[in-house]
Amino acid sequence: MSENTSTKPYMIRALHEWCTDNGFTPHLLVAVDGQTRVPMAYVKNGEIVLNLGYAATKNLLISNEAITFSARFGGISTNLYIPLAAVRGIFARENSQGMFFPEESAVPISNTGGLVLVAGEGEAEILKSDTSAAAKEISEKTSVKKPTLTLVK
């Protein structure tokens, strides 16, 4: 039996599509490491937030292993390479709705698949184990309410 593929690239693609379909600007939170190719002048505290909107990117490809595209920084076209392990989250700039992921080396959070979800106003839940600055900033902008699950038979 083969091992299942990660759901992470599928979630990223789905949220990117949701953002663009609804007129939002998808942004990607990336933890920069030795494999990540981004303009270092824009890295802050080991992280960078990138605009993934089609107007800001060229040749955007979200594969199962990495996100690649070119974008302009200070008027200079730059090719970017972001391994999926470096992706910490994807969210809409306008309303902060999106999804955040734990560090790859972190122990998975039980019953959540290791995901940190950010929902609409009044229904956001950011798990305390997520320590990224962007997630903290988003949690401060939204009120926290526990989600409910309804089983339908």
C-alpha atoms as a PDB file:
ATOM      1  CA  MET A   1       0.000   0.000   0.000  1.00  0.00           C
ATOM      2  CA  SER A   2       1.385   3.413  -0.944  1.00  0.00           C
ATOM      3  CA  GLU A   3       1.521   6.344   1.439  1.00  0.00           C
ATOM      4  CA  ASN A   4      -1.086   9.081   0.995  1.00  0.00           C
ATOM      5  CA  THR A   5       0.067  12.406  -0.417  1.00  0.00           C
ATOM      6  CA  SER A   6      -0.108  15.514   1.731  1.00  0.00           C
ATOM      7  CA  THR A   7      -3.297  17.577   1.679  1.00  0.00           C
ATOM      8  CA  LYS A   8      -1.279  20.794   2.080  1.00  0.00           C
ATOM      9  CA  PRO A   9      -0.787  21.598  -1.639  1.00  0.00           C
ATOM     10  CA  TYR A  10      -4.465  20.911  -2.311  1.00  0.00           C
ATOM     11  CA  MET A  11      -5.527  23.238   0.509  1.00  0.00           C
ATOM     12  CA  ILE A  12      -3.195  25.967  -0.755  1.00  0.00           C
ATOM     13  CA  ARG A  13      -4.543  25.664  -4.314  1.00  0.00           C
ATOM     14  CA  ALA A  14      -8.146  25.631  -3.067  1.00  0.00           C
ATOM     15  CA  LEU A  15      -7.719  28.728  -0.893  1.00  0.00           C
ATOM     16  CA  HIS A  16      -5.861  30.520  -3.694  1.00  0.00           C
ATOM     17  CA  GLU A  17      -8.769  29.790  -6.026  1.00  0.00           C
ATOM     18  CA  TRP A  18     -11.314  30.841  -3.374  1.00  0.00           C
ATOM     19  CA  CYS A  19      -9.514  34.159  -2.862  1.00  0.00           C
ATOM     20  CA  THR A  20      -9.377  34.969  -6.574  1.00  0.00           C
ATOM     21  CA  ASP A  21     -12.978  33.844  -7.197  1.00  0.00           C
ATOM     22  CA  ASN A  22     -14.169  36.215  -4.460  1.00  0.00           C
ATOM     23  CA  GLY A  23     -12.053  39.189  -5.521  1.00  0.00           C
ATOM     24  CA  PHE A  24      -9.607  38.862  -2.616  1.00  0.00           C
ATOM     25  CA  THR A  25      -5.819  39.049  -2.762  1.00  0.00           C
ATOM     26  CA  PRO A  26      -4.205  35.748  -1.739  1.00  0.00           C
ATOM     27  CA  HIS A  27      -1.115  36.164   0.453  1.00  0.00           C
ATOM     28  CA  LEU A  28       1.353  33.466   1.426  1.00  0.00           C
ATOM     29  CA  LEU A  29       3.222  33.385   4.749  1.00  0.00           C
ATOM     30  CA  VAL A  30       6.611  31.701   4.257  1.00  0.00           C
ATOM     31  CA  ALA A  31       9.283  30.675   6.768  1.00  0.00           C
ATOM     32  CA  VAL A  32      12.554  31.393   4.975  1.00  0.00           C
ATOM     33  CA  ASP A  33      15.258  28.735   5.108  1.00  0.00           C
ATOM     34  CA  GLY A  34      18.193  27.577   2.977  1.00  0.00           C
ATOM     35  CA  GLN A  35      15.929  26.005   0.332  1.00  0.00           C
ATOM     36  CA  THR A  36      13.631  29.017  -0.032  1.00  0.00           C
ATOM     37  CA  ARG A  37      14.488  31.439  -2.849  1.00  0.00           C
ATOM     38  CA  VAL A  38      13.017  34.858  -2.063  1.00  0.00           C
ATOM     39  CA  PRO A  39      14.492  38.388  -1.994  1.00  0.00           C
ATOM     40  CA  MET A  40      16.223  38.467   1.390  1.00  0.00           C
ATOM     41  CA  ALA A  41      15.868  42.254   1.693  1.00  0.00           C
ATOM     42  CA  TYR A  42      12.147  41.712   2.341  1.00  0.00           C
ATOM     43  CA  VAL A  43      12.524  38.956   4.959  1.00  0.00           C
ATOM     44  CA  LYS A  44      11.552  39.970   8.497  1.00  0.00           C
ATOM     45  CA  ASN A  45      12.119  37.727  11.541  1.00  0.00           C
ATOM     46  CA  GLY A  46      12.824  34.774   9.236  1.00  0.00           C
ATOM     47  CA  GLU A  47       9.457  35.137   7.473  1.00  0.00           C
ATOM     48  CA  ILE A  48       8.108  36.834   4.365  1.00  0.00           C
ATOM     49  CA  VAL A  49       4.549  37.498   3.219  1.00  0.00           C
ATOM     50  CA  LEU A  50       4.088  37.269  -0.544  1.00  0.00           C
ATOM     51  CA  ASN A  51       1.219  38.449  -2.745  1.00  0.00           C
ATOM     52  CA  LEU A  52       0.105  35.423  -4.821  1.00  0.00           C
ATOM     53  CA  GLY A  53      -2.466  37.331  -6.877  1.00  0.00           C
ATOM     54  CA  TYR A  54      -2.279  36.833 -10.627  1.00  0.00           C
ATOM     55  CA  ALA A  55      -1.689  40.569 -11.121  1.00  0.00           C
ATOM     56  CA  ALA A  56       1.430  40.382  -8.909  1.00  0.00           C
ATOM     57  CA  THR A  57       2.874  37.102 -10.220  1.00  0.00           C
ATOM     58  CA  LYS A  58       3.994  35.606 -13.513  1.00  0.00           C
ATOM     59  CA  ASN A  59       4.050  31.874 -14.309  1.00  0.00           C
ATOM     60  CA  LEU A  60       2.568  30.942 -10.921  1.00  0.00           C
ATOM     61  CA  LEU A  61       2.728  27.176 -10.331  1.00  0.00           C
ATOM     62  CA  ILE A  62       1.533  25.530  -7.123  1.00  0.00           C
ATOM     63  CA  SER A  63       2.765  21.934  -7.410  1.00  0.00           C
ATOM     64  CA  ASN A  64       2.738  19.186  -4.814  1.00  0.00           C
ATOM     65  CA  GLU A  65       6.375  19.957  -3.906  1.00  0.00           C
ATOM     66  CA  ALA A  66       6.839  23.720  -4.272  1.00  0.00           C
ATOM     67  CA  ILE A  67       5.384  27.061  -5.332  1.00  0.00           C
ATOM     68  CA  THR A  68       7.261  28.819  -8.123  1.00  0.00           C
ATOM     69  CA  PHE A  69       6.649  32.152  -9.824  1.00  0.00           C
ATOM     70  CA  SER A  70       8.325  35.402 -10.730  1.00  0.00           C
ATOM     71  CA  ALA A  71       7.446  38.776  -9.254  1.00  0.00           C
ATOM     72  CA  ARG A  72       8.835  42.295  -9.189  1.00  0.00           C
ATOM     73  CA  PHE A  73      10.564  43.618  -6.088  1.00  0.00           C
ATOM     74  CA  GLY A  74      11.705  47.221  -6.328  1.00  0.00           C
ATOM     75  CA  GLY A  75      11.162  47.043 -10.092  1.00  0.00           C
ATOM     76  CA  ILE A  76      13.446  44.020 -10.505  1.00  0.00           C
ATOM     77  CA  SER A  77      11.930  40.767 -11.759  1.00  0.00           C
ATOM     78  CA  THR A  78      12.819  37.909  -9.394  1.00  0.00           C
ATOM     79  CA  ASN A  79      12.221  34.158  -9.702  1.00  0.00           C
ATOM     80  CA  LEU A  80      10.913  32.694  -6.453  1.00  0.00           C
ATOM     81  CA  TYR A  81      10.962  29.105  -5.205  1.00  0.00           C
ATOM     82  CA  ILE A  82       9.074  28.154  -2.048  1.00  0.00           C
ATOM     83  CA  PRO A  83       9.126  24.509  -0.928  1.00  0.00           C
ATOM     84  CA  LEU A  84       5.768  23.529   0.545  1.00  0.00           C
ATOM     85  CA  ALA A  85       7.493  22.688   3.833  1.00  0.00           C
ATOM     86  CA  ALA A  86       8.277  26.417   4.173  1.00  0.00           C
ATOM     87  CA  VAL A  87       4.661  27.535   3.701  1.00  0.00           C
ATOM     88  CA  ARG A  88       3.137  28.598   7.031  1.00  0.00           C
ATOM     89  CA  GLY A  89      -0.176  29.865   5.691  1.00  0.00           C
ATOM     90  CA  ILE A  90      -2.328  31.304   2.936  1.00  0.00           C
ATOM     91  CA  PHE A  91      -4.920  33.989   3.597  1.00  0.00           C
ATOM     92  CA  ALA A  92      -6.919  36.796   1.985  1.00  0.00           C
ATOM     93  CA  ARG A  93      -5.373  40.204   2.625  1.00  0.00           C
ATOM     94  CA  GLU A  94      -8.746  41.933   2.806  1.00  0.00           C
ATOM     95  CA  ASN A  95     -10.383  39.856   5.556  1.00  0.00           C
ATOM     96  CA  SER A  96      -7.602  37.598   6.935  1.00  0.00           C
ATOM     97  CA  GLN A  97      -9.585  34.431   6.168  1.00  0.00           C
ATOM     98  CA  GLY A  98      -7.364  31.487   5.330  1.00  0.00           C
ATOM     99  CA  MET A  99      -5.419  28.576   6.748  1.00  0.00           C
ATOM    100  CA  PHE A 100      -2.160  28.304   8.658  1.00  0.00           C
ATOM    101  CA  PHE A 101       0.062  25.250   8.947  1.00  0.00           C
ATOM    102  CA  PRO A 102       2.463  24.212  11.717  1.00  0.00           C
ATOM    103  CA  GLU A 103       6.182  23.799  11.157  1.00  0.00           C
ATOM    104  CA  GLU A 104       6.899  20.522   9.369  1.00  0.00           C
ATOM    105  CA  SER A 105       9.032  19.267  12.255  1.00  0.00           C
ATOM    106  CA  ALA A 106       6.367  20.077  14.851  1.00  0.00           C
ATOM    107  CA  VAL A 107       4.287  17.381  16.499  1.00  0.00           C
ATOM    108  CA  PRO A 108       0.837  17.314  14.836  1.00  0.00           C
ATOM    109  CA  ILE A 109      -1.984  18.867  16.825  1.00  0.00           C
ATOM    110  CA  SER A 110      -4.447  16.136  17.769  1.00  0.00           C
ATOM    111  CA  ASN A 111      -7.785  15.993  15.951  1.00  0.00           C
ATOM    112  CA  THR A 112      -6.933  18.915  13.655  1.00  0.00           C
ATOM    113  CA  GLY A 113      -4.566  17.318  11.165  1.00  0.00           C
ATOM    114  CA  GLY A 114      -2.008  19.878  12.318  1.00  0.00           C
ATOM    115  CA  LEU A 115      -3.924  22.784  10.789  1.00  0.00           C
ATOM    116  CA  VAL A 116      -4.627  26.170  12.268  1.00  0.00           C
ATOM    117  CA  LEU A 117      -7.800  27.562  10.735  1.00  0.00           C
ATOM    118  CA  VAL A 118      -8.869  31.170  10.444  1.00  0.00           C
ATOM    119  CA  ALA A 119     -12.541  31.685   9.664  1.00  0.00           C
ATOM    120  CA  GLY A 120     -14.710  34.759   9.192  1.00  0.00           C
ATOM    121  CA  GLU A 121     -15.325  37.528  11.685  1.00  0.00           C
ATOM    122  CA  GLY A 122     -16.684  36.180  14.946  1.00  0.00           C
ATOM    123  CA  GLU A 123     -15.738  32.585  14.199  1.00  0.00           C
ATOM    124  CA  ALA A 124     -11.939  32.510  14.121  1.00  0.00           C
ATOM    125  CA  GLU A 125      -9.953  29.980  16.062  1.00  0.00           C
ATOM    126  CA  ILE A 126      -6.164  30.165  16.192  1.00  0.00           C
ATOM    127  CA  LEU A 127      -4.609  27.322  18.124  1.00  0.00           C
ATOM    128  CA  LYS A 128      -2.194  28.365  20.867  1.00  0.00           C
ATOM    129  CA  SER A 129       0.581  26.144  19.506  1.00  0.00           C
ATOM    130  CA  ASP A 130       0.983  28.433  16.468  1.00  0.00           C
ATOM    131  CA  THR A 131       3.581  31.104  17.255  1.00  0.00           C
ATOM    132  CA  SER A 132       4.034  32.878  13.911  1.00  0.00           C
ATOM    133  CA  ALA A 133       3.812  36.657  14.048  1.00  0.00           C
ATOM    134  CA  ALA A 134       1.277  36.812  11.216  1.00  0.00           C
ATOM    135  CA  ALA A 135      -1.067  34.342  12.922  1.00  0.00           C
ATOM    136  CA  LYS A 136      -0.887  36.348  16.151  1.00  0.00           C
ATOM    137  CA  GLU A 137      -1.632  39.548  14.260  1.00  0.00           C
ATOM    138  CA  ILE A 138      -4.620  37.973  12.529  1.00  0.00           C
ATOM    139  CA  SER A 139      -5.923  36.512  15.796  1.00  0.00           C
ATOM    140  CA  GLU A 140      -5.847  39.984  17.336  1.00  0.00           C
ATOM    141  CA  LYS A 141      -7.999  41.312  14.471  1.00  0.00           C
ATOM    142  CA  THR A 142     -10.691  38.657  14.835  1.00  0.00           C
ATOM    143  CA  SER A 143     -12.831  37.652  17.766  1.00  0.00           C
ATOM    144  CA  VAL A 144     -12.526  34.049  18.909  1.00  0.00           C
ATOM    145  CA  LYS A 145     -15.495  31.696  18.926  1.00  0.00           C
ATOM    146  CA  LYS A 146     -15.305  27.894  19.112  1.00  0.00           C
ATOM    147  CA  PRO A 147     -16.614  26.192  15.976  1.00  0.00           C
ATOM    148  CA  THR A 148     -19.399  23.658  16.211  1.00  0.00           C
ATOM    149  CA  LEU A 149     -19.836  20.428  14.289  1.00  0.00           C
ATOM    150  CA  THR A 150     -23.242  19.207  13.204  1.00  0.00           C
ATOM    151  CA  LEU A 151     -23.571  15.598  12.044  1.00  0.00           C
ATOM    152  CA  VAL A 152     -26.116  15.047   9.300  1.00  0.00           C
ATOM    153  CA  LYS A 153     -27.349  11.524   8.646  1.00  0.00           C
END
